Amino acid sequence: MRTRLYSASAAIALLLAGTAGAATTQAEKGELQRARNEVAVQASTTKGAAQQHFDLERRRLDGLIDDLQRGRKVSPEEVERAIDQTRTIP
């Protein structure tokens, strides 16, 4: 009986952890998509080297979004760093 109770508790804990992870991934994806859209707008309103910089940043964000959509692991630090970098773009 004790083993079954422990197994059920472990299964519930894993289920809750998976649900929390999925919600975090959705939130991260949403933040990355907002940052990507901001960078795309900035790229469309500039020319030259600045436009190339924004396009490069947009492609990097697209890669992170694609990784999240495909279920690949993306570190929260990497997501935060990418979002912070788009906030510091003039």
PDB file of N, CA and C in Angstrom:
ATOM      1  N   MET A   1       0.826  -1.193   0.000  1.00  0.00           N
ATOM      2  CA  MET A   1       0.000   0.000   0.000  1.00  0.00           C
ATOM      3  C   MET A   1       0.863   1.247   0.000  1.00  0.00           C
ATOM      4  N   ARG A   2       1.910   1.231   0.826  1.00  0.00           N
ATOM      5  CA  ARG A   2       2.778   2.393   0.935  1.00  0.00           C
ATOM      6  C   ARG A   2       3.462   2.678  -0.398  1.00  0.00           C
ATOM      7  N   THR A   3       3.878   1.642  -1.132  1.00  0.00           N
ATOM      8  CA  THR A   3       4.537   1.819  -2.423  1.00  0.00           C
ATOM      9  C   THR A   3       3.584   2.437  -3.431  1.00  0.00           C
ATOM     10  N   ARG A   4       2.344   2.000  -3.440  1.00  0.00           N
ATOM     11  CA  ARG A   4       1.361   2.562  -4.361  1.00  0.00           C
ATOM     12  C   ARG A   4       1.095   4.028  -4.048  1.00  0.00           C
ATOM     13  N   LEU A   5       1.001   4.352  -2.772  1.00  0.00           N
ATOM     14  CA  LEU A   5       0.760   5.738  -2.379  1.00  0.00           C
ATOM     15  C   LEU A   5       1.925   6.614  -2.813  1.00  0.00           C
ATOM     16  N   TYR A   6       3.132   6.127  -2.627  1.00  0.00           N
ATOM     17  CA  TYR A   6       4.316   6.883  -3.038  1.00  0.00           C
ATOM     18  C   TYR A   6       4.323   7.053  -4.560  1.00  0.00           C
ATOM     19  N   SER A   7       4.001   5.993  -5.291  1.00  0.00           N
ATOM     20  CA  SER A   7       3.983   6.061  -6.750  1.00  0.00           C
ATOM     21  C   SER A   7       2.937   7.042  -7.240  1.00  0.00           C
ATOM     22  N   ALA A   8       1.781   7.067  -6.627  1.00  0.00           N
ATOM     23  CA  ALA A   8       0.732   7.996  -7.017  1.00  0.00           C
ATOM     24  C   ALA A   8       1.157   9.434  -6.729  1.00  0.00           C
ATOM     25  N   SER A   9       1.782   9.648  -5.585  1.00  0.00           N
ATOM     26  CA  SER A   9       2.261  10.988  -5.238  1.00  0.00           C
ATOM     27  C   SER A   9       3.335  11.449  -6.216  1.00  0.00           C
ATOM     28  N   ALA A  10       4.223  10.549  -6.577  1.00  0.00           N
ATOM     29  CA  ALA A  10       5.279  10.894  -7.532  1.00  0.00           C
ATOM     30  C   ALA A  10       4.690  11.211  -8.896  1.00  0.00           C
ATOM     31  N   ALA A  11       3.683  10.442  -9.309  1.00  0.00           N
ATOM     32  CA  ALA A  11       3.050  10.684 -10.605  1.00  0.00           C
ATOM     33  C   ALA A  11       2.350  12.043 -10.630  1.00  0.00           C
ATOM     34  N   ILE A  12       1.681  12.382  -9.548  1.00  0.00           N
ATOM     35  CA  ILE A  12       1.008  13.684  -9.459  1.00  0.00           C
ATOM     36  C   ILE A  12       2.030  14.811  -9.488  1.00  0.00           C
ATOM     37  N   ALA A  13       3.119  14.643  -8.768  1.00  0.00           N
ATOM     38  CA  ALA A  13       4.167  15.669  -8.756  1.00  0.00           C
ATOM     39  C   ALA A  13       4.754  15.862 -10.154  1.00  0.00           C
ATOM     40  N   LEU A  14       5.000  14.774 -10.869  1.00  0.00           N
ATOM     41  CA  LEU A  14       5.528  14.878 -12.231  1.00  0.00           C
ATOM     42  C   LEU A  14       4.523  15.532 -13.170  1.00  0.00           C
ATOM     43  N   LEU A  15       3.262  15.210 -13.017  1.00  0.00           N
ATOM     44  CA  LEU A  15       2.216  15.810 -13.843  1.00  0.00           C
ATOM     45  C   LEU A  15       2.137  17.315 -13.604  1.00  0.00           C
ATOM     46  N   LEU A  16       2.167  17.717 -12.345  1.00  0.00           N
ATOM     47  CA  LEU A  16       2.118  19.144 -12.021  1.00  0.00           C
ATOM     48  C   LEU A  16       3.358  19.868 -12.531  1.00  0.00           C
ATOM     49  N   ALA A  17       4.506  19.242 -12.430  1.00  0.00           N
ATOM     50  CA  ALA A  17       5.738  19.860 -12.927  1.00  0.00           C
ATOM     51  C   ALA A  17       5.674  20.026 -14.437  1.00  0.00           C
ATOM     52  N   GLY A  18       5.140  19.044 -15.132  1.00  0.00           N
ATOM     53  CA  GLY A  18       4.997  19.141 -16.581  1.00  0.00           C
ATOM     54  C   GLY A  18       4.040  20.235 -16.995  1.00  0.00           C
ATOM     55  N   THR A  19       2.949  20.393 -16.267  1.00  0.00           N
ATOM     56  CA  THR A  19       1.979  21.447 -16.552  1.00  0.00           C
ATOM     57  C   THR A  19       2.593  22.814 -16.315  1.00  0.00           C
ATOM     58  N   ALA A  20       3.332  22.962 -15.240  1.00  0.00           N
ATOM     59  CA  ALA A  20       3.987  24.241 -14.957  1.00  0.00           C
ATOM     60  C   ALA A  20       5.030  24.546 -16.017  1.00  0.00           C
ATOM     61  N   GLY A  21       5.747  23.518 -16.461  1.00  0.00           N
ATOM     62  CA  GLY A  21       6.742  23.709 -17.512  1.00  0.00           C
ATOM     63  C   GLY A  21       6.113  24.138 -18.820  1.00  0.00           C
ATOM     64  N   ALA A  22       4.962  23.569 -19.155  1.00  0.00           N
ATOM     65  CA  ALA A  22       4.275  23.938 -20.389  1.00  0.00           C
ATOM     66  C   ALA A  22       3.783  25.382 -20.324  1.00  0.00           C
ATOM     67  N   ALA A  23       3.292  25.790 -19.159  1.00  0.00           N
ATOM     68  CA  ALA A  23       2.819  27.174 -19.015  1.00  0.00           C
ATOM     69  C   ALA A  23       3.976  28.150 -19.127  1.00  0.00           C
ATOM     70  N   THR A  24       5.111  27.795 -18.539  1.00  0.00           N
ATOM     71  CA  THR A  24       6.292  28.644 -18.634  1.00  0.00           C
ATOM     72  C   THR A  24       6.742  28.743 -20.079  1.00  0.00           C
ATOM     73  N   THR A  25       6.743  27.640 -20.795  1.00  0.00           N
ATOM     74  CA  THR A  25       7.150  27.647 -22.190  1.00  0.00           C
ATOM     75  C   THR A  25       6.227  28.533 -23.017  1.00  0.00           C
ATOM     76  N   GLN A  26       4.944  28.471 -22.775  1.00  0.00           N
ATOM     77  CA  GLN A  26       3.995  29.321 -23.503  1.00  0.00           C
ATOM     78  C   GLN A  26       4.245  30.790 -23.192  1.00  0.00           C
ATOM     79  N   ALA A  27       4.517  31.101 -21.939  1.00  0.00           N
ATOM     80  CA  ALA A  27       4.787  32.483 -21.554  1.00  0.00           C
ATOM     81  C   ALA A  27       6.075  32.965 -22.199  1.00  0.00           C
ATOM     82  N   GLU A  28       7.097  32.110 -22.195  1.00  0.00           N
ATOM     83  CA  GLU A  28       8.362  32.478 -22.830  1.00  0.00           C
ATOM     84  C   GLU A  28       8.175  32.695 -24.325  1.00  0.00           C
ATOM     85  N   LYS A  29       7.419  31.809 -24.940  1.00  0.00           N
ATOM     86  CA  LYS A  29       7.178  31.926 -26.376  1.00  0.00           C
ATOM     87  C   LYS A  29       6.449  33.224 -26.692  1.00  0.00           C
ATOM     88  N   GLY A  30       5.474  33.588 -25.870  1.00  0.00           N
ATOM     89  CA  GLY A  30       4.746  34.835 -26.066  1.00  0.00           C
ATOM     90  C   GLY A  30       5.648  36.052 -25.952  1.00  0.00           C
ATOM     91  N   GLU A  31       6.525  36.043 -24.944  1.00  0.00           N
ATOM     92  CA  GLU A  31       7.469  37.149 -24.771  1.00  0.00           C
ATOM     93  C   GLU A  31       8.424  37.237 -25.951  1.00  0.00           C
ATOM     94  N   LEU A  32       8.916  36.094 -26.405  1.00  0.00           N
ATOM     95  CA  LEU A  32       9.823  36.088 -27.549  1.00  0.00           C
ATOM     96  C   LEU A  32       9.131  36.579 -28.814  1.00  0.00           C
ATOM     97  N   GLN A  33       7.869  36.204 -29.000  1.00  0.00           N
ATOM     98  CA  GLN A  33       7.139  36.655 -30.180  1.00  0.00           C
ATOM     99  C   GLN A  33       6.906  38.162 -30.143  1.00  0.00           C
ATOM    100  N   ARG A  34       6.622  38.707 -28.972  1.00  0.00           N
ATOM    101  CA  ARG A  34       6.461  40.161 -28.856  1.00  0.00           C
ATOM    102  C   ARG A  34       7.771  40.876 -29.169  1.00  0.00           C
ATOM    103  N   ALA A  35       8.871  40.353 -28.627  1.00  0.00           N
ATOM    104  CA  ALA A  35      10.184  40.943 -28.888  1.00  0.00           C
ATOM    105  C   ALA A  35      10.523  40.831 -30.368  1.00  0.00           C
ATOM    106  N   ARG A  36      10.209  39.706 -30.979  1.00  0.00           N
ATOM    107  CA  ARG A  36      10.476  39.499 -32.398  1.00  0.00           C
ATOM    108  C   ARG A  36       9.693  40.491 -33.243  1.00  0.00           C
ATOM    109  N   ASN A  37       8.442  40.720 -32.895  1.00  0.00           N
ATOM    110  CA  ASN A  37       7.621  41.670 -33.644  1.00  0.00           C
ATOM    111  C   ASN A  37       8.168  43.095 -33.528  1.00  0.00           C
ATOM    112  N   GLU A  38       8.641  43.459 -32.348  1.00  0.00           N
ATOM    113  CA  GLU A  38       9.230  44.790 -32.156  1.00  0.00           C
ATOM    114  C   GLU A  38      10.478  44.959 -33.018  1.00  0.00           C
ATOM    115  N   VAL A  39      11.311  43.932 -33.041  1.00  0.00           N
ATOM    116  CA  VAL A  39      12.536  43.985 -33.835  1.00  0.00           C
ATOM    117  C   VAL A  39      12.193  44.039 -35.333  1.00  0.00           C
ATOM    118  N   ALA A  40      11.183  43.294 -35.754  1.00  0.00           N
ATOM    119  CA  ALA A  40      10.779  43.307 -37.167  1.00  0.00           C
ATOM    120  C   ALA A  40      10.288  44.689 -37.584  1.00  0.00           C
ATOM    121  N   VAL A  41       9.541  45.361 -36.706  1.00  0.00           N
ATOM    122  CA  VAL A  41       9.076  46.719 -37.007  1.00  0.00           C
ATOM    123  C   VAL A  41      10.265  47.660 -37.129  1.00  0.00           C
ATOM    124  N   GLN A  42      11.206  47.546 -36.210  1.00  0.00           N
ATOM    125  CA  GLN A  42      12.392  48.400 -36.258  1.00  0.00           C
ATOM    126  C   GLN A  42      13.200  48.140 -37.523  1.00  0.00           C
ATOM    127  N   ALA A  43      13.289  46.891 -37.945  1.00  0.00           N
ATOM    128  CA  ALA A  43      14.025  46.554 -39.165  1.00  0.00           C
ATOM    129  C   ALA A  43      13.351  47.146 -40.394  1.00  0.00           C
ATOM    130  N   SER A  44      12.028  47.182 -40.379  1.00  0.00           N
ATOM    131  CA  SER A  44      11.310  47.696 -41.547  1.00  0.00           C
ATOM    132  C   SER A  44      11.368  49.216 -41.658  1.00  0.00           C
ATOM    133  N   THR A  45      11.746  49.900 -40.590  1.00  0.00           N
ATOM    134  CA  THR A  45      11.781  51.366 -40.619  1.00  0.00           C
ATOM    135  C   THR A  45      13.195  51.927 -40.685  1.00  0.00           C
ATOM    136  N   THR A  46      14.190  51.054 -40.864  1.00  0.00           N
ATOM    137  CA  THR A  46      15.580  51.511 -40.951  1.00  0.00           C
ATOM    138  C   THR A  46      16.213  51.000 -42.235  1.00  0.00           C
ATOM    139  N   LYS A  47      17.430  51.471 -42.475  1.00  0.00           N
ATOM    140  CA  LYS A  47      18.179  51.037 -43.657  1.00  0.00           C
ATOM    141  C   LYS A  47      19.605  50.711 -43.257  1.00  0.00           C
ATOM    142  N   GLY A  48      20.309  50.080 -44.171  1.00  0.00           N
ATOM    143  CA  GLY A  48      21.730  49.847 -43.998  1.00  0.00           C
ATOM    144  C   GLY A  48      22.088  48.871 -42.897  1.00  0.00           C
ATOM    145  N   ALA A  49      23.178  49.214 -42.193  1.00  0.00           N
ATOM    146  CA  ALA A  49      23.717  48.327 -41.159  1.00  0.00           C
ATOM    147  C   ALA A  49      22.723  48.117 -40.013  1.00  0.00           C
ATOM    148  N   ALA A  50      21.976  49.158 -39.666  1.00  0.00           N
ATOM    149  CA  ALA A  50      20.992  49.020 -38.579  1.00  0.00           C
ATOM    150  C   ALA A  50      19.923  48.003 -38.963  1.00  0.00           C
ATOM    151  N   GLN A  51      19.480  48.038 -40.198  1.00  0.00           N
ATOM    152  CA  GLN A  51      18.469  47.084 -40.656  1.00  0.00           C
ATOM    153  C   GLN A  51      19.019  45.661 -40.608  1.00  0.00           C
ATOM    154  N   GLN A  52      20.262  45.489 -41.017  1.00  0.00           N
ATOM    155  CA  GLN A  52      20.884  44.163 -40.967  1.00  0.00           C
ATOM    156  C   GLN A  52      20.998  43.662 -39.532  1.00  0.00           C
ATOM    157  N   HIS A  53      21.315  44.566 -38.611  1.00  0.00           N
ATOM    158  CA  HIS A  53      21.397  44.185 -37.199  1.00  0.00           C
ATOM    159  C   HIS A  53      20.033  43.707 -36.692  1.00  0.00           C
ATOM    160  N   PHE A  54      18.973  44.449 -37.017  1.00  0.00           N
ATOM    161  CA  PHE A  54      17.624  44.068 -36.578  1.00  0.00           C
ATOM    162  C   PHE A  54      17.192  42.756 -37.217  1.00  0.00           C
ATOM    163  N   ASP A  55      17.537  42.550 -38.496  1.00  0.00           N
ATOM    164  CA  ASP A  55      17.184  41.292 -39.156  1.00  0.00           C
ATOM    165  C   ASP A  55      17.904  40.104 -38.527  1.00  0.00           C
ATOM    166  N   LEU A  56      19.165  40.302 -38.170  1.00  0.00           N
ATOM    167  CA  LEU A  56      19.924  39.246 -37.503  1.00  0.00           C
ATOM    168  C   LEU A  56      19.298  38.906 -36.147  1.00  0.00           C
ATOM    169  N   GLU A  57      18.916  39.928 -35.407  1.00  0.00           N
ATOM    170  CA  GLU A  57      18.271  39.727 -34.107  1.00  0.00           C
ATOM    171  C   GLU A  57      16.922  39.015 -34.278  1.00  0.00           C
ATOM    172  N   ARG A  58      16.185  39.394 -35.304  1.00  0.00           N
ATOM    173  CA  ARG A  58      14.882  38.759 -35.581  1.00  0.00           C
ATOM    174  C   ARG A  58      15.068  37.278 -35.884  1.00  0.00           C
ATOM    175  N   ARG A  59      16.074  36.946 -36.684  1.00  0.00           N
ATOM    176  CA  ARG A  59      16.330  35.537 -37.011  1.00  0.00           C
ATOM    177  C   ARG A  59      16.733  34.742 -35.768  1.00  0.00           C
ATOM    178  N   ARG A  60      17.496  35.362 -34.883  1.00  0.00           N
ATOM    179  CA  ARG A  60      17.887  34.691 -33.635  1.00  0.00           C
ATOM    180  C   ARG A  60      16.651  34.404 -32.780  1.00  0.00           C
ATOM    181  N   LEU A  61      15.762  35.382 -32.685  1.00  0.00           N
ATOM    182  CA  LEU A  61      14.524  35.186 -31.926  1.00  0.00           C
ATOM    183  C   LEU A  61      13.644  34.132 -32.591  1.00  0.00           C
ATOM    184  N   ASP A  62      13.588  34.135 -33.926  1.00  0.00           N
ATOM    185  CA  ASP A  62      12.830  33.107 -34.638  1.00  0.00           C
ATOM    186  C   ASP A  62      13.353  31.711 -34.308  1.00  0.00           C
ATOM    187  N   GLY A  63      14.675  31.586 -34.196  1.00  0.00           N
ATOM    188  CA  GLY A  63      15.264  30.293 -33.852  1.00  0.00           C
ATOM    189  C   GLY A  63      14.857  29.818 -32.462  1.00  0.00           C
ATOM    190  N   LEU A  64      14.847  30.738 -31.506  1.00  0.00           N
ATOM    191  CA  LEU A  64      14.428  30.375 -30.142  1.00  0.00           C
ATOM    192  C   LEU A  64      12.948  29.984 -30.117  1.00  0.00           C
ATOM    193  N   ILE A  65      12.124  30.753 -30.824  1.00  0.00           N
ATOM    194  CA  ILE A  65      10.682  30.444 -30.885  1.00  0.00           C
ATOM    195  C   ILE A  65      10.478  29.072 -31.520  1.00  0.00           C
ATOM    196  N   ASP A  66      11.190  28.804 -32.607  1.00  0.00           N
ATOM    197  CA  ASP A  66      11.083  27.516 -33.290  1.00  0.00           C
ATOM    198  C   ASP A  66      11.498  26.374 -32.368  1.00  0.00           C
ATOM    199  N   ASP A  67      12.581  26.572 -31.619  1.00  0.00           N
ATOM    200  CA  ASP A  67      13.006  25.548 -30.672  1.00  0.00           C
ATOM    201  C   ASP A  67      11.925  25.250 -29.645  1.00  0.00           C
ATOM    202  N   LEU A  68      11.295  26.289 -29.110  1.00  0.00           N
ATOM    203  CA  LEU A  68      10.229  26.090 -28.122  1.00  0.00           C
ATOM    204  C   LEU A  68       9.028  25.376 -28.739  1.00  0.00           C
ATOM    205  N   GLN A  69       8.675  25.744 -29.969  1.00  0.00           N
ATOM    206  CA  GLN A  69       7.530  25.109 -30.627  1.00  0.00           C
ATOM    207  C   GLN A  69       7.784  23.642 -30.915  1.00  0.00           C
ATOM    208  N   ARG A  70       9.026  23.295 -31.174  1.00  0.00           N
ATOM    209  CA  ARG A  70       9.374  21.903 -31.475  1.00  0.00           C
ATOM    210  C   ARG A  70       9.647  21.084 -30.220  1.00  0.00           C
ATOM    211  N   GLY A  71       9.538  21.721 -29.060  1.00  0.00           N
ATOM    212  CA  GLY A  71       9.718  21.002 -27.802  1.00  0.00           C
ATOM    213  C   GLY A  71      11.159  20.844 -27.379  1.00  0.00           C
ATOM    214  N   ARG A  72      12.058  21.555 -28.028  1.00  0.00           N
ATOM    215  CA  ARG A  72      13.464  21.490 -27.632  1.00  0.00           C
ATOM    216  C   ARG A  72      13.669  22.300 -26.365  1.00  0.00           C
ATOM    217  N   LYS A  73      14.667  21.916 -25.613  1.00  0.00           N
ATOM    218  CA  LYS A  73      14.978  22.636 -24.375  1.00  0.00           C
ATOM    219  C   LYS A  73      15.660  23.954 -24.708  1.00  0.00           C
ATOM    220  N   VAL A  74      15.141  25.012 -24.123  1.00  0.00           N
ATOM    221  CA  VAL A  74      15.749  26.335 -24.217  1.00  0.00           C
ATOM    222  C   VAL A  74      15.867  26.840 -22.792  1.00  0.00           C
ATOM    223  N   SER A  75      17.057  27.242 -22.409  1.00  0.00           N
ATOM    224  CA  SER A  75      17.251  27.667 -21.031  1.00  0.00           C
ATOM    225  C   SER A  75      16.524  28.991 -20.773  1.00  0.00           C
ATOM    226  N   PRO A  76      15.929  29.129 -19.609  1.00  0.00           N
ATOM    227  CA  PRO A  76      15.251  30.382 -19.262  1.00  0.00           C
ATOM    228  C   PRO A  76      16.204  31.580 -19.314  1.00  0.00           C
ATOM    229  N   GLU A  77      17.467  31.333 -18.993  1.00  0.00           N
ATOM    230  CA  GLU A  77      18.450  32.418 -19.043  1.00  0.00           C
ATOM    231  C   GLU A  77      18.641  32.915 -20.472  1.00  0.00           C
ATOM    232  N   GLU A  78      18.639  31.987 -21.427  1.00  0.00           N
ATOM    233  CA  GLU A  78      18.796  32.353 -22.830  1.00  0.00           C
ATOM    234  C   GLU A  78      17.602  33.166 -23.323  1.00  0.00           C
ATOM    235  N   VAL A  79      16.409  32.777 -22.900  1.00  0.00           N
ATOM    236  CA  VAL A  79      15.204  33.517 -23.270  1.00  0.00           C
ATOM    237  C   VAL A  79      15.257  34.913 -22.667  1.00  0.00           C
ATOM    238  N   GLU A  80      15.585  35.006 -21.400  1.00  0.00           N
ATOM    239  CA  GLU A  80      15.641  36.304 -20.717  1.00  0.00           C
ATOM    240  C   GLU A  80      16.700  37.207 -21.350  1.00  0.00           C
ATOM    241  N   ARG A  81      17.837  36.626 -21.681  1.00  0.00           N
ATOM    242  CA  ARG A  81      18.917  37.395 -22.315  1.00  0.00           C
ATOM    243  C   ARG A  81      18.459  37.945 -23.667  1.00  0.00           C
ATOM    244  N   ALA A  82      17.781  37.126 -24.453  1.00  0.00           N
ATOM    245  CA  ALA A  82      17.306  37.563 -25.770  1.00  0.00           C
ATOM    246  C   ALA A  82      16.283  38.688 -25.630  1.00  0.00           C
ATOM    247  N   ILE A  83      15.383  38.564 -24.670  1.00  0.00           N
ATOM    248  CA  ILE A  83      14.367  39.606 -24.457  1.00  0.00           C
ATOM    249  C   ILE A  83      15.022  40.882 -23.950  1.00  0.00           C
ATOM    250  N   ASP A  84      15.971  40.749 -23.035  1.00  0.00           N
ATOM    251  CA  ASP A  84      16.674  41.929 -22.521  1.00  0.00           C
ATOM    252  C   ASP A  84      17.438  42.647 -23.619  1.00  0.00           C
ATOM    253  N   GLN A  85      18.042  41.907 -24.531  1.00  0.00           N
ATOM    254  CA  GLN A  85      18.785  42.526 -25.621  1.00  0.00           C
ATOM    255  C   GLN A  85      17.870  43.331 -26.532  1.00  0.00           C
ATOM    256  N   THR A  86      16.648  42.868 -26.729  1.00  0.00           N
ATOM    257  CA  THR A  86      15.732  43.626 -27.596  1.00  0.00           C
ATOM    258  C   THR A  86      15.233  44.875 -26.874  1.00  0.00           C
ATOM    259  N   ARG A  87      15.214  44.847 -25.548  1.00  0.00           N
ATOM    260  CA  ARG A  87      14.785  46.029 -24.806  1.00  0.00           C
ATOM    261  C   ARG A  87      15.837  47.142 -24.835  1.00  0.00           C
ATOM    262  N   THR A  88      17.105  46.763 -25.024  1.00  0.00           N
ATOM    263  CA  THR A  88      18.172  47.757 -25.019  1.00  0.00           C
ATOM    264  C   THR A  88      18.484  48.295 -26.398  1.00  0.00           C
ATOM    265  N   ILE A  89      17.801  47.793 -27.416  1.00  0.00           N
ATOM    266  CA  ILE A  89      18.019  48.297 -28.773  1.00  0.00           C
ATOM    267  C   ILE A  89      17.417  49.685 -28.869  1.00  0.00           C
ATOM    268  N   PRO A  90      18.215  50.665 -29.343  1.00  0.00           N
ATOM    269  CA  PRO A  90      17.700  52.049 -29.430  1.00  0.00           C
ATOM    270  C   PRO A  90      16.616  52.209 -30.469  1.00  0.00           C
TER     271      PRO A  90
END
